[in-house]
Amino acid sequence: MTRVRTCLRLYPTMIEYCQARLARETEAQSIAKKMQKLCTPFGTLTRWDEEQRRLEVSAKIADMDSSRR
């Protein structure tokens, strides 16, 4: 079975008064920590990029074509 690495870049966002905005520094860190905690039981790798203020989430997934064989 072939493995493929998939990566998402999550930018912590707040919604207030029906408007979305990027989270402030402390909010962003709090959101990232929560997401990292939620990802842990699934073995999903996460990395907080302080400079970009984003959470990189990656996982190895089975290649769909090879899993059908």
N, C-alpha and C. Protein backbone atom coordinates (compact mmCIF):
# COMPACT_ATOMS: atom_id res chain seq x y z
N MET A 1 0.85 -1.18 0.00
CA MET A 1 0.00 0.00 0.00
C MET A 1 0.90 1.24 0.00
N THR A 2 0.65 2.15 -0.88
CA THR A 2 1.39 3.39 -0.97
C THR A 2 0.84 4.39 0.03
N ARG A 3 1.73 5.11 0.68
CA ARG A 3 1.31 6.15 1.62
C ARG A 3 1.57 7.53 1.00
N VAL A 4 0.65 8.43 1.24
CA VAL A 4 0.75 9.79 0.73
C VAL A 4 0.66 10.74 1.92
N ARG A 5 1.53 11.72 1.96
CA ARG A 5 1.49 12.69 3.06
C ARG A 5 0.62 13.87 2.62
N THR A 6 -0.35 14.21 3.45
CA THR A 6 -1.24 15.32 3.20
C THR A 6 -1.00 16.37 4.27
N CYS A 7 -0.97 17.63 3.89
CA CYS A 7 -0.72 18.70 4.84
C CYS A 7 -1.75 19.81 4.68
N LEU A 8 -2.27 20.24 5.81
CA LEU A 8 -3.18 21.39 5.85
C LEU A 8 -2.51 22.51 6.63
N ARG A 9 -2.74 23.71 6.23
CA ARG A 9 -2.26 24.88 6.97
C ARG A 9 -3.48 25.59 7.52
N LEU A 10 -3.60 25.56 8.83
CA LEU A 10 -4.76 26.15 9.48
C LEU A 10 -4.39 27.49 10.09
N TYR A 11 -5.13 28.50 9.73
CA TYR A 11 -4.93 29.84 10.27
C TYR A 11 -6.03 30.10 11.29
N PRO A 12 -5.67 30.16 12.59
CA PRO A 12 -6.68 30.37 13.62
C PRO A 12 -7.51 31.61 13.34
N THR A 13 -8.81 31.43 13.42
CA THR A 13 -9.76 32.47 13.05
C THR A 13 -10.79 32.64 14.14
N MET A 14 -11.21 33.86 14.35
CA MET A 14 -12.27 34.18 15.31
C MET A 14 -13.45 34.75 14.53
N ILE A 15 -14.64 34.46 15.02
CA ILE A 15 -15.85 35.03 14.44
C ILE A 15 -16.54 35.85 15.53
N GLU A 16 -16.69 37.12 15.28
CA GLU A 16 -17.35 38.04 16.22
C GLU A 16 -18.27 38.96 15.44
N TYR A 17 -19.44 39.13 15.96
CA TYR A 17 -20.42 40.03 15.33
C TYR A 17 -20.60 39.70 13.84
N CYS A 18 -20.69 38.41 13.55
CA CYS A 18 -20.91 37.91 12.19
C CYS A 18 -19.77 38.25 11.23
N GLN A 19 -18.58 38.50 11.76
CA GLN A 19 -17.42 38.79 10.93
C GLN A 19 -16.26 37.89 11.33
N ALA A 20 -15.59 37.34 10.34
CA ALA A 20 -14.41 36.50 10.59
C ALA A 20 -13.15 37.35 10.50
N ARG A 21 -12.20 37.05 11.39
CA ARG A 21 -10.91 37.74 11.38
C ARG A 21 -9.85 36.76 11.88
N LEU A 22 -8.60 37.00 11.51
CA LEU A 22 -7.53 36.18 12.04
C LEU A 22 -7.44 36.40 13.55
N ALA A 23 -7.18 35.33 14.27
CA ALA A 23 -7.08 35.42 15.72
C ALA A 23 -5.84 36.22 16.12
N ARG A 24 -5.96 36.93 17.22
CA ARG A 24 -4.81 37.64 17.79
C ARG A 24 -3.83 36.61 18.32
N GLU A 25 -2.62 37.06 18.65
CA GLU A 25 -1.54 36.14 19.02
C GLU A 25 -1.95 35.16 20.13
N THR A 26 -2.47 35.64 21.25
CA THR A 26 -2.82 34.74 22.35
C THR A 26 -4.00 33.84 21.98
N GLU A 27 -4.95 34.38 21.23
CA GLU A 27 -6.09 33.58 20.77
C GLU A 27 -5.60 32.48 19.83
N ALA A 28 -4.70 32.85 18.92
CA ALA A 28 -4.18 31.90 17.93
C ALA A 28 -3.45 30.75 18.62
N GLN A 29 -2.64 31.06 19.60
CA GLN A 29 -1.91 30.02 20.32
C GLN A 29 -2.86 29.09 21.06
N SER A 30 -3.89 29.66 21.65
CA SER A 30 -4.88 28.86 22.37
C SER A 30 -5.64 27.92 21.41
N ILE A 31 -6.03 28.44 20.28
CA ILE A 31 -6.74 27.63 19.27
C ILE A 31 -5.82 26.52 18.76
N ALA A 32 -4.55 26.85 18.51
CA ALA A 32 -3.60 25.86 18.01
C ALA A 32 -3.38 24.75 19.03
N LYS A 33 -3.25 25.10 20.30
CA LYS A 33 -3.07 24.09 21.34
C LYS A 33 -4.27 23.16 21.41
N LYS A 34 -5.47 23.71 21.28
CA LYS A 34 -6.69 22.90 21.30
C LYS A 34 -6.70 21.93 20.11
N MET A 35 -6.36 22.43 18.92
CA MET A 35 -6.33 21.58 17.74
C MET A 35 -5.28 20.47 17.88
N GLN A 36 -4.11 20.82 18.44
CA GLN A 36 -3.07 19.81 18.64
C GLN A 36 -3.56 18.72 19.60
N LYS A 37 -4.26 19.11 20.65
CA LYS A 37 -4.81 18.16 21.61
C LYS A 37 -5.83 17.25 20.93
N LEU A 38 -6.67 17.82 20.07
CA LEU A 38 -7.68 17.02 19.36
C LEU A 38 -7.05 16.07 18.34
N CYS A 39 -5.91 16.43 17.78
CA CYS A 39 -5.25 15.61 16.77
C CYS A 39 -4.48 14.44 17.37
N THR A 40 -4.01 14.59 18.61
CA THR A 40 -3.14 13.59 19.24
C THR A 40 -3.71 12.17 19.23
N PRO A 41 -4.96 11.94 19.62
CA PRO A 41 -5.46 10.56 19.64
C PRO A 41 -5.46 9.87 18.27
N PHE A 42 -5.43 10.64 17.21
CA PHE A 42 -5.46 10.07 15.87
C PHE A 42 -4.06 9.90 15.27
N GLY A 43 -3.04 10.30 16.02
CA GLY A 43 -1.67 10.19 15.54
C GLY A 43 -1.34 11.20 14.46
N THR A 44 -2.12 12.24 14.38
CA THR A 44 -1.91 13.28 13.37
C THR A 44 -0.80 14.20 13.83
N LEU A 45 0.14 14.46 12.95
CA LEU A 45 1.27 15.33 13.28
C LEU A 45 0.87 16.80 13.14
N THR A 46 1.30 17.61 14.09
CA THR A 46 1.02 19.04 14.02
C THR A 46 2.29 19.82 14.33
N ARG A 47 2.36 21.02 13.78
CA ARG A 47 3.50 21.90 14.06
C ARG A 47 3.01 23.34 14.03
N TRP A 48 3.25 24.07 15.12
CA TRP A 48 2.87 25.47 15.18
C TRP A 48 3.98 26.29 14.56
N ASP A 49 3.64 27.06 13.53
CA ASP A 49 4.59 27.95 12.86
C ASP A 49 4.40 29.35 13.45
N GLU A 50 5.27 29.69 14.38
CA GLU A 50 5.14 30.97 15.11
C GLU A 50 5.23 32.17 14.17
N GLU A 51 6.14 32.09 13.22
CA GLU A 51 6.33 33.22 12.30
C GLU A 51 5.09 33.49 11.44
N GLN A 52 4.50 32.42 10.91
CA GLN A 52 3.32 32.55 10.05
C GLN A 52 2.01 32.53 10.84
N ARG A 53 2.11 32.20 12.14
CA ARG A 53 0.93 32.07 13.01
C ARG A 53 -0.11 31.15 12.38
N ARG A 54 0.37 29.93 12.08
CA ARG A 54 -0.52 28.93 11.51
C ARG A 54 -0.13 27.56 12.06
N LEU A 55 -1.09 26.66 12.06
CA LEU A 55 -0.86 25.30 12.50
C LEU A 55 -0.79 24.41 11.27
N GLU A 56 0.31 23.69 11.13
CA GLU A 56 0.45 22.76 10.03
C GLU A 56 0.07 21.38 10.54
N VAL A 57 -0.89 20.78 9.87
CA VAL A 57 -1.41 19.48 10.26
C VAL A 57 -1.13 18.51 9.12
N SER A 58 -0.47 17.41 9.43
CA SER A 58 -0.17 16.45 8.36
C SER A 58 -0.45 15.03 8.85
N ALA A 59 -0.76 14.19 7.90
CA ALA A 59 -1.04 12.79 8.20
C ALA A 59 -0.68 11.95 7.00
N LYS A 60 -0.32 10.72 7.28
CA LYS A 60 -0.10 9.76 6.20
C LYS A 60 -1.43 9.08 5.94
N ILE A 61 -1.82 9.07 4.69
CA ILE A 61 -3.08 8.41 4.32
C ILE A 61 -2.79 7.40 3.22
N ALA A 62 -3.61 6.38 3.14
CA ALA A 62 -3.44 5.36 2.11
C ALA A 62 -3.79 5.96 0.76
N ASP A 63 -3.02 5.61 -0.23
CA ASP A 63 -3.31 6.01 -1.61
C ASP A 63 -4.57 5.28 -2.06
N MET A 64 -5.56 6.02 -2.51
CA MET A 64 -6.85 5.45 -2.87
C MET A 64 -6.73 4.38 -3.95
N ASP A 65 -5.91 4.60 -4.98
CA ASP A 65 -5.80 3.63 -6.07
C ASP A 65 -5.21 2.31 -5.60
N SER A 66 -4.17 2.37 -4.78
CA SER A 66 -3.53 1.12 -4.34
C SER A 66 -4.37 0.38 -3.31
N SER A 67 -5.23 1.08 -2.56
CA SER A 67 -6.05 0.40 -1.55
C SER A 67 -7.23 -0.35 -2.18
N ARG A 68 -7.54 -0.06 -3.41
CA ARG A 68 -8.66 -0.71 -4.10
C ARG A 68 -8.27 -2.07 -4.68
N ARG A 69 -7.00 -2.37 -4.74
CA ARG A 69 -6.53 -3.62 -5.35
C ARG A 69 -6.82 -4.81 -4.49
